[in-house]
Amino acid sequence: MTPRNRRPATRQLNEAARLADQLQAAGLTKRDIAHIINRDPSLVSQFYTRNKGAAFVPALTHVLAAVQTAGITDPSELATIAAPRITRRTTASGARARVRTKAVLITPTGTGTGRAGAQAIASGSARLRPLIAEAARQGLRLAFTVRMPKTGYILGSGSRTDSPGIRRDVIQRADHTEERSYGSAPTGGFDAADFARRVDAAAGDVTAAVQQWLVETGRIHVGAHITHLEIRTWRPR
Protein backbone atom coordinates (compact mmCIF):
# COMPACT_ATOMS: atom_id res chain seq x y z
CA MET A 1 0.00 0.00 0.00
CA THR A 2 1.30 3.44 -0.89
CA PRO A 3 1.96 5.63 2.19
CA ARG A 4 -0.55 8.45 2.46
CA ASN A 5 2.14 11.09 2.85
CA ARG A 6 3.91 10.13 -0.36
CA ARG A 7 3.52 12.82 -3.03
CA PRO A 8 2.34 11.74 -6.48
CA ALA A 9 5.00 11.63 -9.16
CA THR A 10 5.47 14.84 -11.08
CA ARG A 11 3.60 14.69 -14.35
CA GLN A 12 5.85 14.63 -17.37
CA LEU A 13 5.26 17.30 -19.98
CA ASN A 14 4.39 16.10 -23.45
CA GLU A 15 6.43 17.18 -26.48
CA ALA A 16 4.07 20.04 -27.40
CA ALA A 17 4.32 21.46 -23.87
CA ARG A 18 8.13 21.15 -23.89
CA LEU A 19 8.30 23.00 -27.20
CA ALA A 20 5.92 25.65 -25.89
CA ASP A 21 8.13 26.08 -22.82
CA GLN A 22 11.18 26.63 -25.03
CA LEU A 23 9.32 29.17 -27.16
CA GLN A 24 8.23 31.03 -24.04
CA ALA A 25 11.82 30.99 -22.78
CA ALA A 26 12.73 32.65 -26.10
CA GLY A 27 10.31 35.50 -25.36
CA LEU A 28 7.04 34.40 -26.92
CA THR A 29 3.79 34.20 -24.94
CA LYS A 30 1.10 31.52 -24.93
CA ARG A 31 -1.05 33.95 -26.90
CA ASP A 32 1.76 34.28 -29.49
CA ILE A 33 2.02 30.49 -29.75
CA ALA A 34 -1.75 30.23 -30.22
CA HIS A 35 -1.53 32.82 -33.02
CA ILE A 36 1.31 30.88 -34.62
CA ILE A 37 -0.70 27.64 -34.76
CA ASN A 38 -3.97 29.49 -35.54
CA ARG A 39 -5.79 28.21 -32.48
CA ASP A 40 -7.31 29.62 -29.30
CA PRO A 41 -4.90 30.33 -26.39
CA SER A 42 -6.84 27.90 -24.23
CA LEU A 43 -5.57 25.05 -26.41
CA VAL A 44 -1.96 25.95 -25.59
CA SER A 45 -2.83 25.74 -21.89
CA GLN A 46 -4.25 22.29 -22.55
CA PHE A 47 -0.82 21.14 -23.74
CA TYR A 48 0.00 21.18 -20.02
CA THR A 49 -3.31 20.26 -18.41
CA ARG A 50 -4.86 17.77 -20.82
CA ASN A 51 -1.87 16.35 -22.67
CA LYS A 52 -3.02 17.86 -25.97
CA GLY A 53 -0.96 19.26 -28.85
CA ALA A 54 0.57 16.20 -30.53
CA ALA A 55 -0.71 17.35 -33.93
CA PHE A 56 1.25 20.61 -33.58
CA VAL A 57 4.64 19.12 -32.70
CA PRO A 58 6.04 19.21 -36.30
CA ALA A 59 4.98 22.84 -36.71
CA LEU A 60 6.29 23.90 -33.30
CA THR A 61 9.57 22.09 -33.95
CA HIS A 62 10.14 24.12 -37.13
CA VAL A 63 9.03 27.31 -35.40
CA LEU A 64 11.50 26.75 -32.56
CA ALA A 65 14.28 26.13 -35.09
CA ALA A 66 13.39 29.40 -36.85
CA VAL A 67 13.54 31.25 -33.55
CA GLN A 68 16.82 29.70 -32.40
CA THR A 69 18.74 29.62 -35.67
CA ALA A 70 17.33 32.55 -37.64
CA GLY A 71 16.28 34.80 -34.80
CA ILE A 72 12.73 35.14 -36.14
CA THR A 73 10.39 36.32 -33.38
CA ASP A 74 7.48 37.91 -35.23
CA PRO A 75 4.40 35.72 -34.53
CA SER A 76 2.87 36.38 -37.96
CA GLU A 77 6.07 35.35 -39.73
CA LEU A 78 6.34 32.27 -37.53
CA ALA A 79 2.70 31.46 -38.31
CA THR A 80 3.61 31.36 -42.01
CA ILE A 81 6.35 28.86 -41.21
CA ALA A 82 4.02 26.73 -39.10
CA ALA A 83 0.99 26.67 -41.40
CA PRO A 84 2.20 24.03 -43.94
CA ARG A 85 3.10 21.67 -41.10
CA ILE A 86 -0.24 21.75 -39.27
CA THR A 87 -2.48 18.86 -40.25
CA ARG A 88 -6.15 18.70 -39.42
CA ARG A 89 -7.57 15.76 -37.47
CA THR A 90 -9.87 13.35 -39.29
CA THR A 91 -13.20 11.93 -38.19
CA ALA A 92 -14.01 8.21 -38.00
CA SER A 93 -15.22 8.40 -41.60
CA GLY A 94 -11.92 9.91 -42.75
CA ALA A 95 -13.26 13.41 -43.32
CA ARG A 96 -11.34 16.42 -42.03
CA ALA A 97 -12.49 17.39 -38.56
CA ARG A 98 -13.68 20.94 -38.23
CA VAL A 99 -11.84 23.31 -35.94
CA ARG A 100 -13.91 24.33 -32.96
CA THR A 101 -13.81 28.08 -32.67
CA LYS A 102 -15.56 30.63 -30.51
CA ALA A 103 -18.48 32.57 -31.91
CA VAL A 104 -17.79 36.07 -33.19
CA LEU A 105 -17.25 38.17 -30.09
CA ILE A 106 -17.54 41.63 -31.58
CA THR A 107 -19.42 42.82 -34.65
CA PRO A 108 -17.74 44.94 -37.35
CA THR A 109 -19.31 48.02 -35.74
CA GLY A 110 -17.58 47.25 -32.45
CA THR A 111 -20.66 46.06 -30.61
CA GLY A 112 -20.16 43.11 -28.32
CA THR A 113 -21.85 41.71 -25.23
CA GLY A 114 -20.85 39.00 -22.81
CA ARG A 115 -22.54 37.77 -19.65
CA ALA A 116 -21.44 35.62 -16.74
CA GLY A 117 -23.80 34.03 -14.25
CA ALA A 118 -23.17 32.50 -10.86
CA GLN A 119 -21.27 29.45 -12.09
CA ALA A 120 -19.01 31.45 -14.43
CA ILE A 121 -18.46 34.09 -11.74
CA ALA A 122 -17.08 31.40 -9.45
CA SER A 123 -14.42 30.56 -12.02
CA GLY A 124 -13.45 34.17 -12.63
CA SER A 125 -15.78 34.90 -15.58
CA ALA A 126 -13.14 33.47 -17.91
CA ARG A 127 -15.57 33.52 -20.84
CA LEU A 128 -15.50 37.34 -20.73
CA ARG A 129 -11.72 37.65 -21.00
CA PRO A 130 -11.54 37.10 -24.80
CA LEU A 131 -14.21 39.79 -25.29
CA ILE A 132 -12.24 42.31 -23.24
CA ALA A 133 -8.96 41.36 -24.93
CA GLU A 134 -10.44 41.76 -28.41
CA ALA A 135 -12.05 45.07 -27.43
CA ALA A 136 -8.64 46.27 -26.23
CA ARG A 137 -7.00 45.14 -29.47
CA GLN A 138 -9.57 47.11 -31.49
CA GLY A 139 -9.33 50.22 -29.29
CA LEU A 140 -12.96 49.99 -28.17
CA ARG A 141 -14.77 51.39 -25.17
CA LEU A 142 -16.65 49.27 -22.70
CA ALA A 143 -19.24 49.39 -19.94
CA PHE A 144 -20.39 46.79 -17.48
CA THR A 145 -23.29 45.88 -15.26
CA VAL A 146 -22.82 44.09 -11.95
CA ARG A 147 -25.35 42.35 -9.78
CA MET A 148 -24.73 41.72 -6.10
CA PRO A 149 -26.50 41.81 -2.73
CA LYS A 150 -27.70 45.31 -1.79
CA THR A 151 -25.50 45.23 1.31
CA GLY A 152 -22.41 45.01 -0.90
CA TYR A 153 -22.85 48.55 -2.24
CA ILE A 154 -21.58 51.56 -0.32
CA LEU A 155 -23.57 54.28 -2.10
CA GLY A 156 -27.35 54.41 -2.10
CA SER A 157 -29.53 53.08 -4.91
CA GLY A 158 -29.67 55.46 -7.86
CA SER A 159 -26.86 57.67 -6.56
CA ARG A 160 -25.45 59.79 -9.36
CA THR A 161 -22.10 59.60 -7.61
CA ASP A 162 -22.17 55.84 -7.97
CA SER A 163 -22.88 55.82 -11.70
CA PRO A 164 -23.01 59.37 -13.04
CA GLY A 165 -24.82 59.98 -16.30
CA ILE A 166 -26.44 56.56 -16.43
CA ARG A 167 -30.15 57.03 -17.03
CA ARG A 168 -30.96 53.36 -16.61
CA ASP A 169 -32.63 52.78 -13.24
CA VAL A 170 -31.11 50.49 -10.66
CA ILE A 171 -32.77 47.09 -11.00
CA GLN A 172 -33.77 45.57 -7.69
CA ARG A 173 -34.36 41.84 -7.54
CA ALA A 174 -36.60 39.78 -5.29
CA ASP A 175 -33.56 37.99 -3.87
CA HIS A 176 -32.29 41.29 -2.36
CA THR A 177 -29.69 41.84 -5.07
CA GLU A 178 -29.30 44.93 -7.27
CA GLU A 179 -28.00 45.46 -10.77
CA ARG A 180 -26.03 48.63 -11.36
CA SER A 181 -24.47 49.82 -14.60
CA TYR A 182 -21.14 51.57 -14.98
CA GLY A 183 -20.18 53.38 -18.17
CA SER A 184 -22.21 54.16 -21.29
CA ALA A 185 -21.75 55.52 -24.79
CA PRO A 186 -23.03 59.02 -23.85
CA THR A 187 -20.56 59.27 -20.96
CA GLY A 188 -17.68 57.73 -22.92
CA GLY A 189 -17.44 54.49 -20.99
CA PHE A 190 -14.08 52.99 -20.09
CA ASP A 191 -10.95 52.24 -22.08
CA ALA A 192 -11.05 48.51 -22.90
CA ALA A 193 -7.24 48.42 -22.92
CA ASP A 194 -7.15 49.63 -19.32
CA PHE A 195 -9.54 46.89 -18.23
CA ALA A 196 -7.60 44.30 -20.22
CA ARG A 197 -4.49 45.28 -18.24
CA ARG A 198 -6.46 44.96 -15.01
CA VAL A 199 -7.62 41.49 -16.02
CA ASP A 200 -4.05 40.47 -16.90
CA ALA A 201 -2.87 41.77 -13.52
CA ALA A 202 -5.56 39.62 -11.88
CA ALA A 203 -4.18 36.52 -13.64
CA GLY A 204 -7.13 36.48 -16.05
CA ASP A 205 -9.82 36.70 -13.36
CA VAL A 206 -12.36 39.15 -14.83
CA THR A 207 -14.55 39.04 -11.73
CA ALA A 208 -11.63 39.99 -9.49
CA ALA A 209 -10.57 42.81 -11.82
CA VAL A 210 -14.04 44.39 -11.87
CA GLN A 211 -14.42 43.87 -8.13
CA GLN A 212 -11.06 45.56 -7.50
CA TRP A 213 -12.10 48.57 -9.59
CA LEU A 214 -15.36 48.89 -7.66
CA VAL A 215 -13.47 48.74 -4.35
CA GLU A 216 -10.81 51.23 -5.48
CA THR A 217 -13.45 53.73 -6.57
CA GLY A 218 -15.38 53.43 -3.30
CA ARG A 219 -18.49 51.81 -4.76
CA ILE A 220 -18.57 48.48 -2.93
CA HIS A 221 -17.32 47.01 0.32
CA VAL A 222 -14.21 44.86 0.37
CA GLY A 223 -15.35 41.26 0.13
CA ALA A 224 -18.67 42.08 -1.58
CA HIS A 225 -19.69 39.19 -3.79
CA ILE A 226 -20.62 39.78 -7.45
CA THR A 227 -23.27 37.29 -8.56
CA HIS A 228 -23.69 38.32 -12.22
CA LEU A 229 -21.60 40.38 -14.63
CA GLU A 230 -22.22 41.79 -18.11
CA ILE A 231 -19.67 43.48 -20.39
CA ARG A 232 -20.70 45.67 -23.35
CA THR A 233 -18.41 47.20 -25.99
CA TRP A 234 -18.70 49.80 -28.75
CA ARG A 235 -16.47 51.77 -31.09
CA PRO A 236 -15.83 55.38 -30.02
CA ARG A 237 -16.88 58.08 -32.43
C-alpha atoms as a PDB file:
ATOM      1  CA  MET A   1       0.000   0.000   0.000  1.00  0.00           C
ATOM      2  CA  THR A   2       1.300   3.444  -0.893  1.00  0.00           C
ATOM      3  CA  PRO A   3       1.960   5.625   2.192  1.00  0.00           C
ATOM      4  CA  ARG A   4      -0.548   8.447   2.464  1.00  0.00           C
ATOM      5  CA  ASN A   5       2.140  11.091   2.852  1.00  0.00           C
ATOM      6  CA  ARG A   6       3.911  10.135  -0.357  1.00  0.00           C
ATOM      7  CA  ARG A   7       3.518  12.817  -3.031  1.00  0.00           C
ATOM      8  CA  PRO A   8       2.337  11.737  -6.475  1.00  0.00           C
ATOM      9  CA  ALA A   9       4.996  11.627  -9.160  1.00  0.00           C
ATOM     10  CA  THR A  10       5.474  14.839 -11.084  1.00  0.00           C
ATOM     11  CA  ARG A  11       3.597  14.690 -14.347  1.00  0.00           C
ATOM     12  CA  GLN A  12       5.854  14.630 -17.367  1.00  0.00           C
ATOM     13  CA  LEU A  13       5.261  17.302 -19.984  1.00  0.00           C
ATOM     14  CA  ASN A  14       4.393  16.098 -23.453  1.00  0.00           C
ATOM     15  CA  GLU A  15       6.425  17.177 -26.476  1.00  0.00           C
ATOM     16  CA  ALA A  16       4.065  20.036 -27.398  1.00  0.00           C
ATOM     17  CA  ALA A  17       4.323  21.464 -23.874  1.00  0.00           C
ATOM     18  CA  ARG A  18       8.130  21.152 -23.892  1.00  0.00           C
ATOM     19  CA  LEU A  19       8.303  22.996 -27.203  1.00  0.00           C
ATOM     20  CA  ALA A  20       5.921  25.652 -25.887  1.00  0.00           C
ATOM     21  CA  ASP A  21       8.135  26.077 -22.817  1.00  0.00           C
ATOM     22  CA  GLN A  22      11.183  26.635 -25.033  1.00  0.00           C
ATOM     23  CA  LEU A  23       9.322  29.166 -27.159  1.00  0.00           C
ATOM     24  CA  GLN A  24       8.233  31.033 -24.037  1.00  0.00           C
ATOM     25  CA  ALA A  25      11.818  30.992 -22.782  1.00  0.00           C
ATOM     26  CA  ALA A  26      12.728  32.651 -26.097  1.00  0.00           C
ATOM     27  CA  GLY A  27      10.314  35.504 -25.362  1.00  0.00           C
ATOM     28  CA  LEU A  28       7.037  34.397 -26.919  1.00  0.00           C
ATOM     29  CA  THR A  29       3.793  34.198 -24.935  1.00  0.00           C
ATOM     30  CA  LYS A  30       1.099  31.522 -24.934  1.00  0.00           C
ATOM     31  CA  ARG A  31      -1.053  33.953 -26.899  1.00  0.00           C
ATOM     32  CA  ASP A  32       1.760  34.276 -29.487  1.00  0.00           C
ATOM     33  CA  ILE A  33       2.024  30.495 -29.746  1.00  0.00           C
ATOM     34  CA  ALA A  34      -1.753  30.235 -30.224  1.00  0.00           C
ATOM     35  CA  HIS A  35      -1.535  32.820 -33.024  1.00  0.00           C
ATOM     36  CA  ILE A  36       1.308  30.880 -34.623  1.00  0.00           C
ATOM     37  CA  ILE A  37      -0.698  27.640 -34.762  1.00  0.00           C
ATOM     38  CA  ASN A  38      -3.969  29.487 -35.535  1.00  0.00           C
ATOM     39  CA  ARG A  39      -5.791  28.214 -32.482  1.00  0.00           C
ATOM     40  CA  ASP A  40      -7.313  29.618 -29.300  1.00  0.00           C
ATOM     41  CA  PRO A  41      -4.897  30.333 -26.389  1.00  0.00           C
ATOM     42  CA  SER A  42      -6.843  27.900 -24.229  1.00  0.00           C
ATOM     43  CA  LEU A  43      -5.573  25.048 -26.408  1.00  0.00           C
ATOM     44  CA  VAL A  44      -1.960  25.952 -25.587  1.00  0.00           C
ATOM     45  CA  SER A  45      -2.825  25.743 -21.895  1.00  0.00           C
ATOM     46  CA  GLN A  46      -4.254  22.295 -22.549  1.00  0.00           C
ATOM     47  CA  PHE A  47      -0.820  21.136 -23.741  1.00  0.00           C
ATOM     48  CA  TYR A  48      -0.003  21.178 -20.023  1.00  0.00           C
ATOM     49  CA  THR A  49      -3.307  20.262 -18.405  1.00  0.00           C
ATOM     50  CA  ARG A  50      -4.861  17.770 -20.824  1.00  0.00           C
ATOM     51  CA  ASN A  51      -1.866  16.352 -22.669  1.00  0.00           C
ATOM     52  CA  LYS A  52      -3.018  17.858 -25.972  1.00  0.00           C
ATOM     53  CA  GLY A  53      -0.960  19.260 -28.846  1.00  0.00           C
ATOM     54  CA  ALA A  54       0.569  16.197 -30.527  1.00  0.00           C
ATOM     55  CA  ALA A  55      -0.713  17.355 -33.930  1.00  0.00           C
ATOM     56  CA  PHE A  56       1.249  20.610 -33.579  1.00  0.00           C
ATOM     57  CA  VAL A  57       4.641  19.122 -32.700  1.00  0.00           C
ATOM     58  CA  PRO A  58       6.036  19.208 -36.296  1.00  0.00           C
ATOM     59  CA  ALA A  59       4.975  22.843 -36.709  1.00  0.00           C
ATOM     60  CA  LEU A  60       6.286  23.902 -33.296  1.00  0.00           C
ATOM     61  CA  THR A  61       9.572  22.093 -33.946  1.00  0.00           C
ATOM     62  CA  HIS A  62      10.140  24.120 -37.134  1.00  0.00           C
ATOM     63  CA  VAL A  63       9.031  27.311 -35.403  1.00  0.00           C
ATOM     64  CA  LEU A  64      11.503  26.747 -32.563  1.00  0.00           C
ATOM     65  CA  ALA A  65      14.279  26.125 -35.087  1.00  0.00           C
ATOM     66  CA  ALA A  66      13.393  29.396 -36.846  1.00  0.00           C
ATOM     67  CA  VAL A  67      13.545  31.249 -33.547  1.00  0.00           C
ATOM     68  CA  GLN A  68      16.816  29.701 -32.397  1.00  0.00           C
ATOM     69  CA  THR A  69      18.740  29.623 -35.671  1.00  0.00           C
ATOM     70  CA  ALA A  70      17.335  32.548 -37.642  1.00  0.00           C
ATOM     71  CA  GLY A  71      16.281  34.805 -34.796  1.00  0.00           C
ATOM     72  CA  ILE A  72      12.728  35.142 -36.137  1.00  0.00           C
ATOM     73  CA  THR A  73      10.386  36.323 -33.378  1.00  0.00           C
ATOM     74  CA  ASP A  74       7.481  37.912 -35.232  1.00  0.00           C
ATOM     75  CA  PRO A  75       4.398  35.725 -34.534  1.00  0.00           C
ATOM     76  CA  SER A  76       2.872  36.381 -37.960  1.00  0.00           C
ATOM     77  CA  GLU A  77       6.075  35.355 -39.728  1.00  0.00           C
ATOM     78  CA  LEU A  78       6.335  32.273 -37.534  1.00  0.00           C
ATOM     79  CA  ALA A  79       2.701  31.460 -38.314  1.00  0.00           C
ATOM     80  CA  THR A  80       3.608  31.360 -42.005  1.00  0.00           C
ATOM     81  CA  ILE A  81       6.352  28.862 -41.206  1.00  0.00           C
ATOM     82  CA  ALA A  82       4.018  26.733 -39.099  1.00  0.00           C
ATOM     83  CA  ALA A  83       0.990  26.671 -41.404  1.00  0.00           C
ATOM     84  CA  PRO A  84       2.198  24.030 -43.942  1.00  0.00           C
ATOM     85  CA  ARG A  85       3.102  21.673 -41.097  1.00  0.00           C
ATOM     86  CA  ILE A  86      -0.237  21.752 -39.272  1.00  0.00           C
ATOM     87  CA  THR A  87      -2.480  18.856 -40.247  1.00  0.00           C
ATOM     88  CA  ARG A  88      -6.154  18.700 -39.419  1.00  0.00           C
ATOM     89  CA  ARG A  89      -7.572  15.760 -37.470  1.00  0.00           C
ATOM     90  CA  THR A  90      -9.866  13.352 -39.293  1.00  0.00           C
ATOM     91  CA  THR A  91     -13.197  11.932 -38.194  1.00  0.00           C
ATOM     92  CA  ALA A  92     -14.007   8.207 -38.001  1.00  0.00           C
ATOM     93  CA  SER A  93     -15.219   8.398 -41.605  1.00  0.00           C
ATOM     94  CA  GLY A  94     -11.920   9.909 -42.752  1.00  0.00           C
ATOM     95  CA  ALA A  95     -13.264  13.413 -43.319  1.00  0.00           C
ATOM     96  CA  ARG A  96     -11.335  16.419 -42.034  1.00  0.00           C
ATOM     97  CA  ALA A  97     -12.490  17.393 -38.562  1.00  0.00           C
ATOM     98  CA  ARG A  98     -13.684  20.938 -38.231  1.00  0.00           C
ATOM     99  CA  VAL A  99     -11.839  23.311 -35.939  1.00  0.00           C
ATOM    100  CA  ARG A 100     -13.908  24.330 -32.956  1.00  0.00           C
ATOM    101  CA  THR A 101     -13.805  28.083 -32.670  1.00  0.00           C
ATOM    102  CA  LYS A 102     -15.559  30.635 -30.513  1.00  0.00           C
ATOM    103  CA  ALA A 103     -18.485  32.572 -31.913  1.00  0.00           C
ATOM    104  CA  VAL A 104     -17.789  36.074 -33.195  1.00  0.00           C
ATOM    105  CA  LEU A 105     -17.250  38.171 -30.094  1.00  0.00           C
ATOM    106  CA  ILE A 106     -17.540  41.632 -31.578  1.00  0.00           C
ATOM    107  CA  THR A 107     -19.422  42.822 -34.654  1.00  0.00           C
ATOM    108  CA  PRO A 108     -17.739  44.941 -37.353  1.00  0.00           C
ATOM    109  CA  THR A 109     -19.314  48.019 -35.738  1.00  0.00           C
ATOM    110  CA  GLY A 110     -17.576  47.246 -32.449  1.00  0.00           C
ATOM    111  CA  THR A 111     -20.665  46.060 -30.610  1.00  0.00           C
ATOM    112  CA  GLY A 112     -20.162  43.108 -28.316  1.00  0.00           C
ATOM    113  CA  THR A 113     -21.852  41.706 -25.230  1.00  0.00           C
ATOM    114  CA  GLY A 114     -20.853  38.999 -22.810  1.00  0.00           C
ATOM    115  CA  ARG A 115     -22.539  37.767 -19.649  1.00  0.00           C
ATOM    116  CA  ALA A 116     -21.437  35.616 -16.745  1.00  0.00           C
ATOM    117  CA  GLY A 117     -23.800  34.027 -14.249  1.00  0.00           C
ATOM    118  CA  ALA A 118     -23.166  32.501 -10.860  1.00  0.00           C
ATOM    119  CA  GLN A 119     -21.271  29.450 -12.091  1.00  0.00           C
ATOM    120  CA  ALA A 120     -19.009  31.449 -14.429  1.00  0.00           C
ATOM    121  CA  ILE A 121     -18.458  34.088 -11.743  1.00  0.00           C
ATOM    122  CA  ALA A 122     -17.085  31.397  -9.446  1.00  0.00           C
ATOM    123  CA  SER A 123     -14.422  30.559 -12.022  1.00  0.00           C
ATOM    124  CA  GLY A 124     -13.449  34.174 -12.633  1.00  0.00           C
ATOM    125  CA  SER A 125     -15.778  34.903 -15.583  1.00  0.00           C
ATOM    126  CA  ALA A 126     -13.140  33.470 -17.907  1.00  0.00           C
ATOM    127  CA  ARG A 127     -15.571  33.524 -20.842  1.00  0.00           C
ATOM    128  CA  LEU A 128     -15.496  37.343 -20.731  1.00  0.00           C
ATOM    129  CA  ARG A 129     -11.719  37.654 -21.001  1.00  0.00           C
ATOM    130  CA  PRO A 130     -11.542  37.104 -24.803  1.00  0.00           C
ATOM    131  CA  LEU A 131     -14.210  39.787 -25.288  1.00  0.00           C
ATOM    132  CA  ILE A 132     -12.236  42.309 -23.237  1.00  0.00           C
ATOM    133  CA  ALA A 133      -8.957  41.363 -24.932  1.00  0.00           C
ATOM    134  CA  GLU A 134     -10.445  41.762 -28.413  1.00  0.00           C
ATOM    135  CA  ALA A 135     -12.045  45.071 -27.427  1.00  0.00           C
ATOM    136  CA  ALA A 136      -8.643  46.273 -26.226  1.00  0.00           C
ATOM    137  CA  ARG A 137      -7.000  45.145 -29.472  1.00  0.00           C
ATOM    138  CA  GLN A 138      -9.565  47.109 -31.491  1.00  0.00           C
ATOM    139  CA  GLY A 139      -9.331  50.218 -29.294  1.00  0.00           C
ATOM    140  CA  LEU A 140     -12.955  49.995 -28.174  1.00  0.00           C
ATOM    141  CA  ARG A 141     -14.772  51.391 -25.172  1.00  0.00           C
ATOM    142  CA  LEU A 142     -16.652  49.270 -22.703  1.00  0.00           C
ATOM    143  CA  ALA A 143     -19.237  49.394 -19.936  1.00  0.00           C
ATOM    144  CA  PHE A 144     -20.386  46.792 -17.483  1.00  0.00           C
ATOM    145  CA  THR A 145     -23.293  45.876 -15.258  1.00  0.00           C
ATOM    146  CA  VAL A 146     -22.823  44.087 -11.952  1.00  0.00           C
ATOM    147  CA  ARG A 147     -25.350  42.349  -9.778  1.00  0.00           C
ATOM    148  CA  MET A 148     -24.733  41.724  -6.102  1.00  0.00           C
ATOM    149  CA  PRO A 149     -26.504  41.810  -2.729  1.00  0.00           C
ATOM    150  CA  LYS A 150     -27.696  45.306  -1.793  1.00  0.00           C
ATOM    151  CA  THR A 151     -25.503  45.230   1.309  1.00  0.00           C
ATOM    152  CA  GLY A 152     -22.413  45.012  -0.902  1.00  0.00           C
ATOM    153  CA  TYR A 153     -22.847  48.551  -2.242  1.00  0.00           C
ATOM    154  CA  ILE A 154     -21.585  51.564  -0.322  1.00  0.00           C
ATOM    155  CA  LEU A 155     -23.565  54.283  -2.095  1.00  0.00           C
ATOM    156  CA  GLY A 156     -27.353  54.414  -2.100  1.00  0.00           C
ATOM    157  CA  SER A 157     -29.532  53.080  -4.913  1.00  0.00           C
ATOM    158  CA  GLY A 158     -29.674  55.465  -7.862  1.00  0.00           C
ATOM    159  CA  SER A 159     -26.864  57.665  -6.560  1.00  0.00           C
ATOM    160  CA  ARG A 160     -25.446  59.789  -9.363  1.00  0.00           C
ATOM    161  CA  THR A 161     -22.096  59.596  -7.612  1.00  0.00           C
ATOM    162  CA  ASP A 162     -22.166  55.843  -7.970  1.00  0.00           C
ATOM    163  CA  SER A 163     -22.881  55.822 -11.699  1.00  0.00           C
ATOM    164  CA  PRO A 164     -23.008  59.374 -13.037  1.00  0.00           C
ATOM    165  CA  GLY A 165     -24.824  59.982 -16.304  1.00  0.00           C
ATOM    166  CA  ILE A 166     -26.437  56.558 -16.434  1.00  0.00           C
ATOM    167  CA  ARG A 167     -30.150  57.032 -17.028  1.00  0.00           C
ATOM    168  CA  ARG A 168     -30.959  53.357 -16.613  1.00  0.00           C
ATOM    169  CA  ASP A 169     -32.630  52.781 -13.236  1.00  0.00           C
ATOM    170  CA  VAL A 170     -31.113  50.486 -10.660  1.00  0.00           C
ATOM    171  CA  ILE A 171     -32.775  47.092 -11.002  1.00  0.00           C
ATOM    172  CA  GLN A 172     -33.766  45.572  -7.694  1.00  0.00           C
ATOM    173  CA  ARG A 173     -34.356  41.840  -7.538  1.00  0.00           C
ATOM    174  CA  ALA A 174     -36.600  39.784  -5.290  1.00  0.00           C
ATOM    175  CA  ASP A 175     -33.560  37.987  -3.869  1.00  0.00           C
ATOM    176  CA  HIS A 176     -32.292  41.290  -2.362  1.00  0.00           C
ATOM    177  CA  THR A 177     -29.686  41.842  -5.068  1.00  0.00           C
ATOM    178  CA  GLU A 178     -29.302  44.926  -7.272  1.00  0.00           C
ATOM    179  CA  GLU A 179     -28.005  45.462 -10.770  1.00  0.00           C
ATOM    180  CA  ARG A 180     -26.030  48.628 -11.360  1.00  0.00           C
ATOM    181  CA  SER A 181     -24.469  49.822 -14.602  1.00  0.00           C
ATOM    182  CA  TYR A 182     -21.143  51.570 -14.975  1.00  0.00           C
ATOM    183  CA  GLY A 183     -20.176  53.384 -18.166  1.00  0.00           C
ATOM    184  CA  SER A 184     -22.207  54.158 -21.288  1.00  0.00           C
ATOM    185  CA  ALA A 185     -21.751  55.517 -24.791  1.00  0.00           C
ATOM    186  CA  PRO A 186     -23.031  59.018 -23.848  1.00  0.00           C
ATOM    187  CA  THR A 187     -20.560  59.265 -20.958  1.00  0.00           C
ATOM    188  CA  GLY A 188     -17.684  57.734 -22.916  1.00  0.00           C
ATOM    189  CA  GLY A 189     -17.440  54.491 -20.991  1.00  0.00           C
ATOM    190  CA  PHE A 190     -14.078  52.987 -20.093  1.00  0.00           C
ATOM    191  CA  ASP A 191     -10.952  52.238 -22.079  1.00  0.00           C
ATOM    192  CA  ALA A 192     -11.046  48.512 -22.896  1.00  0.00           C
ATOM    193  CA  ALA A 193      -7.238  48.418 -22.916  1.00  0.00           C
ATOM    194  CA  ASP A 194      -7.154  49.626 -19.315  1.00  0.00           C
ATOM    195  CA  PHE A 195      -9.537  46.885 -18.226  1.00  0.00           C
ATOM    196  CA  ALA A 196      -7.601  44.303 -20.219  1.00  0.00           C
ATOM    197  CA  ARG A 197      -4.492  45.282 -18.239  1.00  0.00           C
ATOM    198  CA  ARG A 198      -6.462  44.956 -15.012  1.00  0.00           C
ATOM    199  CA  VAL A 199      -7.622  41.489 -16.024  1.00  0.00           C
ATOM    200  CA  ASP A 200      -4.052  40.470 -16.899  1.00  0.00           C
ATOM    201  CA  ALA A 201      -2.873  41.773 -13.517  1.00  0.00           C
ATOM    202  CA  ALA A 202      -5.558  39.622 -11.876  1.00  0.00           C
ATOM    203  CA  ALA A 203      -4.181  36.521 -13.641  1.00  0.00           C
ATOM    204  CA  GLY A 204      -7.133  36.477 -16.050  1.00  0.00           C
ATOM    205  CA  ASP A 205      -9.822  36.700 -13.363  1.00  0.00           C
ATOM    206  CA  VAL A 206     -12.363  39.152 -14.827  1.00  0.00           C
ATOM    207  CA  THR A 207     -14.551  39.038 -11.727  1.00  0.00           C
ATOM    208  CA  ALA A 208     -11.625  39.993  -9.488  1.00  0.00           C
ATOM    209  CA  ALA A 209     -10.565  42.808 -11.825  1.00  0.00           C
ATOM    210  CA  VAL A 210     -14.037  44.390 -11.870  1.00  0.00           C
ATOM    211  CA  GLN A 211     -14.415  43.874  -8.129  1.00  0.00           C
ATOM    212  CA  GLN A 212     -11.059  45.563  -7.498  1.00  0.00           C
ATOM    213  CA  TRP A 213     -12.104  48.574  -9.592  1.00  0.00           C
ATOM    214  CA  LEU A 214     -15.365  48.889  -7.659  1.00  0.00           C
ATOM    215  CA  VAL A 215     -13.474  48.740  -4.351  1.00  0.00           C
ATOM    216  CA  GLU A 216     -10.808  51.226  -5.477  1.00  0.00           C
ATOM    217  CA  THR A 217     -13.447  53.725  -6.565  1.00  0.00           C
ATOM    218  CA  GLY A 218     -15.381  53.425  -3.304  1.00  0.00           C
ATOM    219  CA  ARG A 219     -18.489  51.813  -4.757  1.00  0.00           C
ATOM    220  CA  ILE A 220     -18.575  48.482  -2.931  1.00  0.00           C
ATOM    221  CA  HIS A 221     -17.321  47.012   0.320  1.00  0.00           C
ATOM    222  CA  VAL A 222     -14.208  44.859   0.366  1.00  0.00           C
ATOM    223  CA  GLY A 223     -15.347  41.262   0.125  1.00  0.00           C
ATOM    224  CA  ALA A 224     -18.666  42.085  -1.575  1.00  0.00           C
ATOM    225  CA  HIS A 225     -19.692  39.193  -3.793  1.00  0.00           C
ATOM    226  CA  ILE A 226     -20.624  39.776  -7.446  1.00  0.00           C
ATOM    227  CA  THR A 227     -23.272  37.286  -8.559  1.00  0.00           C
ATOM    228  CA  HIS A 228     -23.693  38.319 -12.223  1.00  0.00           C
ATOM    229  CA  LEU A 229     -21.603  40.381 -14.628  1.00  0.00           C
ATOM    230  CA  GLU A 230     -22.223  41.787 -18.112  1.00  0.00           C
ATOM    231  CA  ILE A 231     -19.672  43.477 -20.385  1.00  0.00           C
ATOM    232  CA  ARG A 232     -20.700  45.674 -23.350  1.00  0.00           C
ATOM    233  CA  THR A 233     -18.415  47.204 -25.989  1.00  0.00           C
ATOM    234  CA  TRP A 234     -18.696  49.798 -28.752  1.00  0.00           C
ATOM    235  CA  ARG A 235     -16.474  51.767 -31.089  1.00  0.00           C
ATOM    236  CA  PRO A 236     -15.834  55.376 -30.020  1.00  0.00           C
ATOM    237  CA  ARG A 237     -16.879  58.078 -32.429  1.00  0.00           C
END
